[in-house]
N, C-alpha and C. Protein backbone atom coordinates (compact mmCIF):
# COMPACT_ATOMS: atom_id res chain seq x y z
N MET A 1 0.83 -1.17 0.00
CA MET A 1 0.00 0.00 0.00
C MET A 1 0.89 1.26 0.00
N LYS A 2 2.00 1.21 0.78
CA LYS A 2 2.92 2.35 0.79
C LYS A 2 3.52 2.55 -0.58
N ASN A 3 3.84 1.43 -1.26
CA ASN A 3 4.39 1.54 -2.61
C ASN A 3 3.41 2.21 -3.55
N LEU A 4 2.14 1.87 -3.43
CA LEU A 4 1.12 2.45 -4.30
C LEU A 4 0.99 3.95 -4.05
N VAL A 5 1.03 4.37 -2.78
CA VAL A 5 0.96 5.80 -2.45
C VAL A 5 2.18 6.52 -2.99
N ALA A 6 3.37 5.92 -2.85
CA ALA A 6 4.59 6.55 -3.35
C ALA A 6 4.55 6.68 -4.86
N ILE A 7 4.06 5.66 -5.54
CA ILE A 7 3.96 5.71 -7.00
C ILE A 7 3.00 6.79 -7.43
N MET A 8 1.86 6.89 -6.76
CA MET A 8 0.89 7.93 -7.11
C MET A 8 1.48 9.32 -6.90
N PHE A 9 2.28 9.51 -5.84
CA PHE A 9 2.92 10.79 -5.58
C PHE A 9 3.89 11.13 -6.71
N VAL A 10 4.71 10.16 -7.14
CA VAL A 10 5.65 10.39 -8.23
C VAL A 10 4.90 10.76 -9.51
N ILE A 11 3.81 10.10 -9.75
CA ILE A 11 3.02 10.40 -10.95
C ILE A 11 2.48 11.82 -10.90
N MET A 12 1.96 12.22 -9.75
CA MET A 12 1.42 13.58 -9.62
C MET A 12 2.50 14.62 -9.83
N VAL A 13 3.69 14.41 -9.27
CA VAL A 13 4.79 15.36 -9.43
C VAL A 13 5.21 15.41 -10.89
N THR A 14 5.31 14.25 -11.54
CA THR A 14 5.70 14.21 -12.95
C THR A 14 4.69 14.95 -13.81
N VAL A 15 3.41 14.73 -13.56
CA VAL A 15 2.37 15.43 -14.32
C VAL A 15 2.46 16.93 -14.07
N GLY A 16 2.73 17.32 -12.84
CA GLY A 16 2.86 18.74 -12.50
C GLY A 16 3.99 19.39 -13.26
N PHE A 17 5.15 18.74 -13.32
CA PHE A 17 6.28 19.30 -14.06
C PHE A 17 5.99 19.35 -15.55
N THR A 18 5.33 18.34 -16.06
CA THR A 18 5.01 18.31 -17.48
C THR A 18 4.04 19.43 -17.83
N ALA A 19 3.07 19.69 -16.98
CA ALA A 19 2.09 20.73 -17.24
C ALA A 19 2.72 22.12 -17.18
N CYS A 20 3.71 22.31 -16.34
CA CYS A 20 4.34 23.62 -16.19
C CYS A 20 5.39 23.90 -17.25
N ASN A 21 5.80 22.89 -17.98
CA ASN A 21 6.84 23.05 -18.98
C ASN A 21 6.30 23.87 -20.16
N GLN A 22 7.14 24.71 -20.75
CA GLN A 22 6.73 25.60 -21.84
C GLN A 22 7.09 25.04 -23.21
N GLU A 23 6.99 23.73 -23.37
CA GLU A 23 7.30 23.09 -24.64
C GLU A 23 6.16 23.31 -25.63
N SER A 24 6.40 22.97 -26.86
CA SER A 24 5.37 23.10 -27.88
C SER A 24 4.23 22.14 -27.59
N ALA A 25 3.10 22.35 -28.26
CA ALA A 25 1.91 21.53 -28.02
C ALA A 25 2.18 20.07 -28.36
N ALA A 26 2.91 19.81 -29.44
CA ALA A 26 3.19 18.44 -29.83
C ALA A 26 4.07 17.75 -28.79
N ASP A 27 5.09 18.47 -28.31
CA ASP A 27 5.97 17.89 -27.29
C ASP A 27 5.21 17.64 -26.00
N THR A 28 4.31 18.56 -25.65
CA THR A 28 3.52 18.39 -24.43
C THR A 28 2.61 17.17 -24.55
N LYS A 29 2.01 17.01 -25.73
CA LYS A 29 1.13 15.87 -25.94
C LYS A 29 1.91 14.56 -25.84
N ASN A 30 3.10 14.50 -26.45
CA ASN A 30 3.93 13.30 -26.37
C ASN A 30 4.37 13.02 -24.93
N ALA A 31 4.72 14.07 -24.20
CA ALA A 31 5.16 13.90 -22.81
C ALA A 31 4.00 13.41 -21.95
N ALA A 32 2.81 13.96 -22.20
CA ALA A 32 1.64 13.54 -21.42
C ALA A 32 1.31 12.07 -21.71
N ALA A 33 1.37 11.68 -22.97
CA ALA A 33 1.10 10.29 -23.33
C ALA A 33 2.13 9.37 -22.69
N SER A 34 3.38 9.81 -22.69
CA SER A 34 4.44 9.03 -22.07
C SER A 34 4.23 8.91 -20.56
N THR A 35 3.78 10.02 -19.94
CA THR A 35 3.51 10.01 -18.50
C THR A 35 2.36 9.07 -18.17
N VAL A 36 1.31 9.11 -18.99
CA VAL A 36 0.16 8.22 -18.77
C VAL A 36 0.59 6.76 -18.91
N ASP A 37 1.39 6.45 -19.93
CA ASP A 37 1.89 5.08 -20.10
C ASP A 37 2.73 4.65 -18.90
N ALA A 38 3.58 5.56 -18.43
CA ALA A 38 4.41 5.25 -17.27
C ALA A 38 3.54 5.03 -16.03
N ALA A 39 2.48 5.83 -15.91
CA ALA A 39 1.59 5.69 -14.76
C ALA A 39 0.86 4.34 -14.82
N LYS A 40 0.38 3.96 -16.01
CA LYS A 40 -0.30 2.67 -16.15
C LYS A 40 0.64 1.52 -15.79
N THR A 41 1.87 1.61 -16.27
CA THR A 41 2.86 0.56 -15.97
C THR A 41 3.14 0.51 -14.47
N ALA A 42 3.28 1.68 -13.85
CA ALA A 42 3.57 1.73 -12.41
C ALA A 42 2.43 1.14 -11.59
N VAL A 43 1.20 1.47 -11.95
CA VAL A 43 0.05 0.95 -11.22
C VAL A 43 -0.06 -0.56 -11.42
N THR A 44 0.16 -1.06 -12.65
CA THR A 44 0.12 -2.49 -12.91
C THR A 44 1.21 -3.20 -12.11
N ASP A 45 2.42 -2.62 -12.10
CA ASP A 45 3.51 -3.23 -11.34
C ASP A 45 3.20 -3.25 -9.85
N ALA A 46 2.62 -2.17 -9.34
CA ALA A 46 2.27 -2.12 -7.92
C ALA A 46 1.18 -3.14 -7.59
N ALA A 47 0.18 -3.26 -8.46
CA ALA A 47 -0.89 -4.23 -8.24
C ALA A 47 -0.34 -5.65 -8.29
N SER A 48 0.60 -5.89 -9.20
CA SER A 48 1.20 -7.22 -9.30
C SER A 48 2.01 -7.55 -8.07
N ALA A 49 2.67 -6.54 -7.49
CA ALA A 49 3.45 -6.78 -6.28
C ALA A 49 2.53 -7.12 -5.11
N ILE A 50 1.36 -6.48 -5.07
CA ILE A 50 0.42 -6.73 -3.98
C ILE A 50 -0.29 -8.06 -4.21
N ASN A 51 -0.74 -8.32 -5.44
CA ASN A 51 -1.45 -9.55 -5.76
C ASN A 51 -0.97 -10.06 -7.11
N PRO A 52 -0.07 -11.04 -7.13
CA PRO A 52 0.48 -11.50 -8.40
C PRO A 52 -0.57 -12.06 -9.34
N ALA A 53 -1.72 -12.46 -8.83
CA ALA A 53 -2.76 -12.99 -9.71
C ALA A 53 -3.34 -11.90 -10.61
N SER A 54 -3.09 -10.63 -10.26
CA SER A 54 -3.62 -9.56 -11.09
C SER A 54 -2.72 -9.27 -12.29
N ALA A 55 -1.55 -9.90 -12.35
CA ALA A 55 -0.65 -9.69 -13.48
C ALA A 55 -1.27 -10.30 -14.72
N LYS A 56 -1.24 -9.55 -15.83
CA LYS A 56 -1.89 -10.01 -17.04
C LYS A 56 -0.88 -10.57 -18.05
N ALA A 57 0.39 -10.33 -17.87
CA ALA A 57 1.38 -10.66 -18.87
C ALA A 57 1.48 -12.16 -19.15
N ASP A 58 1.59 -12.97 -18.13
CA ASP A 58 1.79 -14.40 -18.30
C ASP A 58 0.72 -15.16 -17.55
N PRO A 59 -0.19 -15.83 -18.25
CA PRO A 59 -1.28 -16.53 -17.56
C PRO A 59 -0.79 -17.61 -16.61
N THR A 60 0.37 -18.20 -16.86
CA THR A 60 0.87 -19.22 -15.95
C THR A 60 1.41 -18.61 -14.68
N ALA A 61 1.80 -17.35 -14.70
CA ALA A 61 2.32 -16.70 -13.50
C ALA A 61 1.23 -16.54 -12.45
N ALA A 62 -0.03 -16.45 -12.88
CA ALA A 62 -1.12 -16.28 -11.93
C ALA A 62 -1.30 -17.50 -11.03
N ALA A 63 -0.83 -18.66 -11.49
CA ALA A 63 -0.98 -19.88 -10.71
C ALA A 63 0.01 -19.94 -9.55
N GLU A 64 1.06 -19.16 -9.62
CA GLU A 64 2.06 -19.18 -8.56
C GLU A 64 1.70 -18.17 -7.48
N VAL A 65 2.06 -18.52 -6.26
CA VAL A 65 1.79 -17.66 -5.13
C VAL A 65 3.03 -16.84 -4.82
N ASP A 66 2.85 -15.56 -4.58
CA ASP A 66 3.96 -14.69 -4.20
C ASP A 66 4.56 -15.23 -2.90
N PRO A 67 5.83 -15.64 -2.91
CA PRO A 67 6.42 -16.21 -1.70
C PRO A 67 6.57 -15.20 -0.56
N ASP A 68 6.46 -13.91 -0.89
CA ASP A 68 6.59 -12.88 0.15
C ASP A 68 5.28 -12.61 0.88
N LEU A 69 4.17 -13.19 0.40
CA LEU A 69 2.90 -12.99 1.09
C LEU A 69 2.96 -13.67 2.45
N PRO A 70 2.36 -13.05 3.47
CA PRO A 70 2.31 -13.71 4.78
C PRO A 70 1.52 -15.01 4.68
N LYS A 71 1.97 -16.02 5.40
CA LYS A 71 1.32 -17.33 5.35
C LYS A 71 0.13 -17.40 6.31
N THR A 72 -0.84 -18.23 5.93
CA THR A 72 -2.00 -18.48 6.76
C THR A 72 -2.33 -19.96 6.69
N THR A 73 -3.39 -20.38 7.32
CA THR A 73 -3.79 -21.80 7.28
C THR A 73 -5.24 -21.90 6.85
N ILE A 74 -5.59 -23.06 6.31
CA ILE A 74 -6.93 -23.30 5.79
C ILE A 74 -7.44 -24.63 6.32
N ASP A 75 -8.73 -24.67 6.64
CA ASP A 75 -9.35 -25.90 7.13
C ASP A 75 -10.58 -26.18 6.27
N PHE A 76 -10.64 -27.37 5.66
CA PHE A 76 -11.74 -27.75 4.78
C PHE A 76 -12.77 -28.58 5.55
N ASP A 77 -14.05 -28.46 5.18
CA ASP A 77 -15.06 -29.32 5.80
C ASP A 77 -14.91 -30.76 5.32
N LYS A 78 -14.27 -30.95 4.15
CA LYS A 78 -13.94 -32.29 3.64
C LYS A 78 -12.82 -32.12 2.63
N THR A 79 -11.99 -33.13 2.52
CA THR A 79 -10.91 -33.09 1.52
C THR A 79 -11.14 -34.13 0.42
N VAL A 80 -12.19 -34.94 0.58
CA VAL A 80 -12.55 -35.92 -0.43
C VAL A 80 -14.01 -35.67 -0.83
N VAL A 81 -14.22 -35.49 -2.12
CA VAL A 81 -15.57 -35.37 -2.68
C VAL A 81 -15.83 -36.69 -3.38
N ASP A 82 -16.78 -37.46 -2.86
CA ASP A 82 -17.09 -38.77 -3.42
C ASP A 82 -18.50 -38.74 -4.00
N PHE A 83 -18.59 -38.76 -5.32
CA PHE A 83 -19.89 -38.72 -5.98
C PHE A 83 -20.55 -40.10 -6.02
N GLY A 84 -19.83 -41.14 -5.61
CA GLY A 84 -20.40 -42.48 -5.60
C GLY A 84 -20.65 -42.98 -7.00
N ASP A 85 -21.71 -43.80 -7.15
CA ASP A 85 -22.06 -44.34 -8.46
C ASP A 85 -22.83 -43.30 -9.26
N ILE A 86 -22.33 -43.00 -10.46
CA ILE A 86 -23.03 -42.10 -11.38
C ILE A 86 -23.04 -42.75 -12.76
N THR A 87 -23.94 -42.30 -13.61
CA THR A 87 -24.07 -42.85 -14.95
C THR A 87 -23.16 -42.10 -15.90
N GLN A 88 -22.52 -42.84 -16.79
CA GLN A 88 -21.64 -42.22 -17.78
C GLN A 88 -22.38 -41.09 -18.51
N GLY A 89 -21.74 -39.97 -18.61
CA GLY A 89 -22.33 -38.79 -19.25
C GLY A 89 -22.89 -37.79 -18.26
N ASP A 90 -23.08 -38.21 -17.00
CA ASP A 90 -23.58 -37.29 -15.97
C ASP A 90 -22.55 -36.20 -15.67
N GLU A 91 -23.05 -35.00 -15.37
CA GLU A 91 -22.22 -33.92 -14.82
C GLU A 91 -22.74 -33.68 -13.42
N VAL A 92 -21.85 -33.82 -12.45
CA VAL A 92 -22.22 -33.68 -11.05
C VAL A 92 -21.44 -32.54 -10.42
N LYS A 93 -22.03 -31.95 -9.37
CA LYS A 93 -21.41 -30.81 -8.70
C LYS A 93 -21.45 -31.01 -7.20
N ASP A 94 -20.47 -30.40 -6.52
CA ASP A 94 -20.45 -30.40 -5.06
C ASP A 94 -19.72 -29.13 -4.62
N VAL A 95 -19.85 -28.82 -3.35
CA VAL A 95 -19.22 -27.63 -2.79
C VAL A 95 -18.39 -28.06 -1.59
N VAL A 96 -17.15 -27.59 -1.55
CA VAL A 96 -16.28 -27.81 -0.41
C VAL A 96 -16.16 -26.47 0.31
N LYS A 97 -16.56 -26.45 1.56
CA LYS A 97 -16.47 -25.22 2.35
C LYS A 97 -15.14 -25.21 3.10
N PHE A 98 -14.59 -24.01 3.27
CA PHE A 98 -13.33 -23.89 3.99
C PHE A 98 -13.38 -22.67 4.90
N THR A 99 -12.46 -22.67 5.88
CA THR A 99 -12.31 -21.56 6.81
C THR A 99 -10.85 -21.14 6.82
N ASN A 100 -10.62 -19.83 6.78
CA ASN A 100 -9.27 -19.31 6.97
C ASN A 100 -9.00 -19.36 8.47
N THR A 101 -8.20 -20.33 8.91
CA THR A 101 -7.93 -20.52 10.33
C THR A 101 -6.67 -19.80 10.78
N GLY A 102 -6.05 -19.05 9.90
CA GLY A 102 -4.83 -18.32 10.24
C GLY A 102 -5.11 -16.90 10.68
N THR A 103 -4.05 -16.12 10.73
CA THR A 103 -4.14 -14.72 11.18
C THR A 103 -3.95 -13.72 10.06
N GLU A 104 -3.75 -14.20 8.84
CA GLU A 104 -3.56 -13.34 7.67
C GLU A 104 -4.65 -13.61 6.65
N PRO A 105 -4.94 -12.65 5.76
CA PRO A 105 -5.92 -12.90 4.70
C PRO A 105 -5.47 -14.07 3.82
N LEU A 106 -6.43 -14.92 3.45
CA LEU A 106 -6.17 -16.07 2.58
C LEU A 106 -6.36 -15.62 1.14
N ILE A 107 -5.34 -15.83 0.31
CA ILE A 107 -5.41 -15.46 -1.10
C ILE A 107 -5.20 -16.72 -1.93
N ILE A 108 -6.27 -17.18 -2.57
CA ILE A 108 -6.18 -18.35 -3.45
C ILE A 108 -5.86 -17.83 -4.84
N SER A 109 -4.68 -18.17 -5.35
CA SER A 109 -4.30 -17.68 -6.67
C SER A 109 -4.79 -18.60 -7.78
N SER A 110 -5.00 -19.90 -7.47
CA SER A 110 -5.55 -20.79 -8.48
C SER A 110 -6.07 -22.06 -7.84
N ALA A 111 -6.97 -22.71 -8.56
CA ALA A 111 -7.44 -24.05 -8.22
C ALA A 111 -7.61 -24.75 -9.57
N LYS A 112 -6.91 -25.87 -9.75
CA LYS A 112 -6.92 -26.54 -11.04
C LYS A 112 -7.25 -28.02 -10.88
N GLY A 113 -8.11 -28.50 -11.78
CA GLY A 113 -8.42 -29.91 -11.81
C GLY A 113 -7.31 -30.67 -12.50
N SER A 114 -7.15 -31.95 -12.16
CA SER A 114 -6.09 -32.75 -12.75
C SER A 114 -6.36 -33.08 -14.22
N CYS A 115 -7.60 -32.91 -14.66
CA CYS A 115 -7.91 -33.05 -16.08
C CYS A 115 -9.10 -32.13 -16.41
N GLY A 116 -9.43 -32.05 -17.66
CA GLY A 116 -10.50 -31.15 -18.07
C GLY A 116 -11.88 -31.55 -17.59
N CYS A 117 -12.03 -32.77 -17.08
CA CYS A 117 -13.33 -33.23 -16.61
C CYS A 117 -13.65 -32.69 -15.21
N THR A 118 -12.65 -32.16 -14.51
CA THR A 118 -12.83 -31.67 -13.15
C THR A 118 -12.56 -30.16 -13.14
N VAL A 119 -13.62 -29.38 -12.90
CA VAL A 119 -13.51 -27.92 -13.00
C VAL A 119 -13.89 -27.26 -11.67
N PRO A 120 -12.91 -26.63 -11.01
CA PRO A 120 -13.22 -25.93 -9.76
C PRO A 120 -13.47 -24.44 -9.98
N GLU A 121 -14.27 -23.84 -9.11
CA GLU A 121 -14.46 -22.39 -9.03
C GLU A 121 -14.11 -22.00 -7.61
N TRP A 122 -13.33 -20.92 -7.45
CA TRP A 122 -12.88 -20.51 -6.13
C TRP A 122 -13.04 -19.00 -5.97
N PRO A 123 -13.07 -18.51 -4.74
CA PRO A 123 -13.21 -17.07 -4.53
C PRO A 123 -11.93 -16.34 -4.96
N LYS A 124 -12.09 -15.29 -5.73
CA LYS A 124 -10.94 -14.52 -6.21
C LYS A 124 -10.53 -13.43 -5.20
N ALA A 125 -11.44 -13.03 -4.36
CA ALA A 125 -11.14 -12.00 -3.35
C ALA A 125 -10.51 -12.65 -2.13
N PRO A 126 -9.64 -11.91 -1.42
CA PRO A 126 -9.05 -12.47 -0.19
C PRO A 126 -10.14 -12.83 0.83
N VAL A 127 -9.87 -13.88 1.60
CA VAL A 127 -10.77 -14.34 2.65
C VAL A 127 -10.13 -13.97 3.99
N ALA A 128 -10.81 -13.15 4.76
CA ALA A 128 -10.27 -12.65 6.02
C ALA A 128 -10.11 -13.78 7.05
N PRO A 129 -9.20 -13.60 8.01
CA PRO A 129 -9.05 -14.61 9.06
C PRO A 129 -10.38 -14.87 9.77
N GLY A 130 -10.69 -16.16 9.97
CA GLY A 130 -11.93 -16.54 10.63
C GLY A 130 -13.12 -16.63 9.69
N GLU A 131 -13.00 -16.11 8.49
CA GLU A 131 -14.11 -16.13 7.53
C GLU A 131 -14.10 -17.45 6.75
N THR A 132 -15.24 -17.73 6.10
CA THR A 132 -15.38 -18.96 5.33
C THR A 132 -15.56 -18.65 3.85
N GLY A 133 -15.33 -19.66 3.04
CA GLY A 133 -15.52 -19.55 1.60
C GLY A 133 -15.89 -20.91 1.04
N GLU A 134 -16.08 -20.95 -0.29
CA GLU A 134 -16.48 -22.18 -0.95
C GLU A 134 -15.68 -22.40 -2.22
N ILE A 135 -15.38 -23.66 -2.46
CA ILE A 135 -14.81 -24.07 -3.74
C ILE A 135 -15.85 -25.00 -4.37
N LYS A 136 -16.38 -24.58 -5.52
CA LYS A 136 -17.37 -25.39 -6.23
C LYS A 136 -16.63 -26.29 -7.20
N ILE A 137 -17.00 -27.57 -7.20
CA ILE A 137 -16.34 -28.55 -8.06
C ILE A 137 -17.38 -29.20 -8.96
N GLN A 138 -17.10 -29.19 -10.27
CA GLN A 138 -17.96 -29.85 -11.24
C GLN A 138 -17.16 -30.96 -11.90
N PHE A 139 -17.76 -32.14 -11.99
CA PHE A 139 -17.11 -33.30 -12.59
C PHE A 139 -17.98 -33.83 -13.73
N SER A 140 -17.37 -34.04 -14.89
CA SER A 140 -18.08 -34.60 -16.05
C SER A 140 -17.60 -36.02 -16.27
N SER A 141 -18.55 -36.95 -16.35
CA SER A 141 -18.21 -38.36 -16.54
C SER A 141 -18.27 -38.78 -18.01
N LYS A 142 -18.41 -37.82 -18.89
CA LYS A 142 -18.51 -38.13 -20.32
C LYS A 142 -17.25 -38.89 -20.78
N GLY A 143 -17.47 -40.03 -21.42
CA GLY A 143 -16.36 -40.82 -21.96
C GLY A 143 -15.55 -41.57 -20.91
N LYS A 144 -16.01 -41.61 -19.68
CA LYS A 144 -15.28 -42.30 -18.60
C LYS A 144 -16.06 -43.53 -18.18
N LYS A 145 -15.36 -44.49 -17.57
CA LYS A 145 -16.03 -45.66 -17.01
C LYS A 145 -15.24 -46.17 -15.82
N GLY A 146 -15.95 -46.84 -14.91
CA GLY A 146 -15.29 -47.42 -13.76
C GLY A 146 -14.92 -46.39 -12.71
N LYS A 147 -14.04 -46.82 -11.80
CA LYS A 147 -13.63 -45.95 -10.70
C LYS A 147 -12.69 -44.86 -11.23
N GLN A 148 -12.99 -43.64 -10.84
CA GLN A 148 -12.19 -42.48 -11.25
C GLN A 148 -11.75 -41.73 -9.99
N THR A 149 -10.50 -41.30 -9.97
CA THR A 149 -9.99 -40.46 -8.90
C THR A 149 -9.26 -39.29 -9.55
N LYS A 150 -9.69 -38.09 -9.25
CA LYS A 150 -9.08 -36.87 -9.78
C LYS A 150 -8.69 -35.99 -8.61
N THR A 151 -7.92 -34.95 -8.88
CA THR A 151 -7.54 -34.02 -7.82
C THR A 151 -7.82 -32.59 -8.23
N VAL A 152 -7.99 -31.75 -7.23
CA VAL A 152 -8.04 -30.30 -7.41
C VAL A 152 -6.89 -29.75 -6.60
N THR A 153 -5.96 -29.09 -7.27
CA THR A 153 -4.79 -28.52 -6.62
C THR A 153 -5.02 -27.04 -6.39
N ILE A 154 -4.89 -26.63 -5.12
CA ILE A 154 -5.16 -25.25 -4.72
C ILE A 154 -3.84 -24.56 -4.37
N GLN A 155 -3.55 -23.49 -5.10
CA GLN A 155 -2.37 -22.66 -4.83
C GLN A 155 -2.83 -21.45 -4.03
N ALA A 156 -2.27 -21.29 -2.84
CA ALA A 156 -2.66 -20.18 -1.97
C ALA A 156 -1.49 -19.83 -1.05
N ASN A 157 -1.64 -18.77 -0.31
CA ASN A 157 -0.59 -18.36 0.64
C ASN A 157 -0.75 -19.13 1.95
N THR A 158 -0.81 -20.45 1.82
CA THR A 158 -1.00 -21.32 2.99
C THR A 158 0.26 -22.12 3.27
N ASP A 159 0.30 -22.62 4.48
CA ASP A 159 1.36 -23.53 4.86
C ASP A 159 0.68 -24.79 5.36
N PRO A 160 0.73 -25.89 4.62
CA PRO A 160 1.52 -26.14 3.42
C PRO A 160 0.85 -25.62 2.15
N ASN A 161 1.63 -25.48 1.11
CA ASN A 161 1.14 -25.08 -0.20
C ASN A 161 1.84 -25.97 -1.22
N PRO A 162 1.17 -26.54 -2.18
CA PRO A 162 -0.26 -26.46 -2.45
C PRO A 162 -1.06 -27.41 -1.55
N THR A 163 -2.38 -27.24 -1.62
CA THR A 163 -3.32 -28.12 -0.93
C THR A 163 -4.10 -28.88 -2.01
N ARG A 164 -4.41 -30.14 -1.75
CA ARG A 164 -5.13 -30.93 -2.75
C ARG A 164 -6.42 -31.50 -2.18
N LEU A 165 -7.45 -31.45 -3.01
CA LEU A 165 -8.72 -32.10 -2.72
C LEU A 165 -8.82 -33.30 -3.67
N THR A 166 -9.45 -34.36 -3.22
CA THR A 166 -9.61 -35.56 -4.04
C THR A 166 -11.07 -35.66 -4.48
N VAL A 167 -11.27 -35.99 -5.75
CA VAL A 167 -12.61 -36.17 -6.32
C VAL A 167 -12.70 -37.61 -6.80
N LYS A 168 -13.74 -38.33 -6.33
CA LYS A 168 -13.93 -39.74 -6.69
C LYS A 168 -15.32 -39.96 -7.27
N ALA A 169 -15.39 -40.93 -8.15
CA ALA A 169 -16.68 -41.36 -8.69
C ALA A 169 -16.51 -42.76 -9.27
N ASN A 170 -17.61 -43.50 -9.30
CA ASN A 170 -17.66 -44.79 -9.98
C ASN A 170 -18.66 -44.64 -11.11
N ILE A 171 -18.14 -44.64 -12.33
CA ILE A 171 -19.00 -44.37 -13.48
C ILE A 171 -19.54 -45.69 -14.04
N LEU A 172 -20.86 -45.76 -14.04
CA LEU A 172 -21.56 -46.93 -14.57
C LEU A 172 -21.91 -46.68 -16.02
N VAL A 173 -21.61 -47.65 -16.86
CA VAL A 173 -21.87 -47.52 -18.30
C VAL A 173 -23.19 -48.21 -18.61
N PRO A 174 -24.15 -47.48 -19.19
CA PRO A 174 -25.42 -48.11 -19.57
C PRO A 174 -25.20 -49.17 -20.64
N GLU A 175 -26.08 -50.17 -20.67
CA GLU A 175 -25.96 -51.21 -21.69
C GLU A 175 -26.01 -50.59 -23.07
N GLY A 176 -25.15 -51.08 -23.95
CA GLY A 176 -25.12 -50.57 -25.33
C GLY A 176 -24.24 -49.35 -25.48
N ALA A 177 -23.77 -48.79 -24.39
CA ALA A 177 -22.92 -47.59 -24.47
C ALA A 177 -21.46 -47.94 -24.23
N GLU A 178 -21.13 -49.22 -24.13
CA GLU A 178 -19.77 -49.67 -23.81
C GLU A 178 -18.75 -49.12 -24.80
N ASP A 179 -19.10 -49.03 -26.10
CA ASP A 179 -18.16 -48.56 -27.11
C ASP A 179 -17.78 -47.10 -26.93
N SER A 180 -18.65 -46.29 -26.28
CA SER A 180 -18.33 -44.87 -26.15
C SER A 180 -17.43 -44.59 -24.96
N ALA A 181 -17.25 -45.56 -24.08
CA ALA A 181 -16.40 -45.36 -22.90
C ALA A 181 -14.96 -45.53 -23.31
N THR A 182 -14.18 -44.48 -23.15
CA THR A 182 -12.79 -44.52 -23.57
C THR A 182 -11.81 -44.50 -22.41
N LYS A 183 -12.23 -44.09 -21.24
CA LYS A 183 -11.28 -43.96 -20.13
C LYS A 183 -11.80 -44.64 -18.89
């Protein structure tokens, strides 16, 4: 936050000097555009330092947690989601509730399924200490058969990091659909 205030102060001073300069209109316009670009870059850099998930440059960078973030702890109401017996082609959903049991805000930078059939949704905003949140998990059994075990890997400022949830299902294949089951 101090960095953001300092950056804003530098921007204001730079704009002030640019406005007071007696250069030609074209030079003033170029300087103003350059100042605006510098300001945008500075704000983006400051936001990335505070929350690396806000960085837009590299989508894979958002999955990593800033190692300088203060650590916290997380407690799940369950770490295994077992859908039991389901029919091939079913899409099933469940919710895993969690509590930030630490003393620092919990920042989940990513939650990824081990394959495309397992899709998690997680809160993008920080979760305050003592507060709760939810991770929604959707599993598609299309093209699958038999016992399936998948994982959801959660990257956050927790100790330990990452945290994994297990997703299980037993996919029953209807008669005559055996040829469509590939996995």
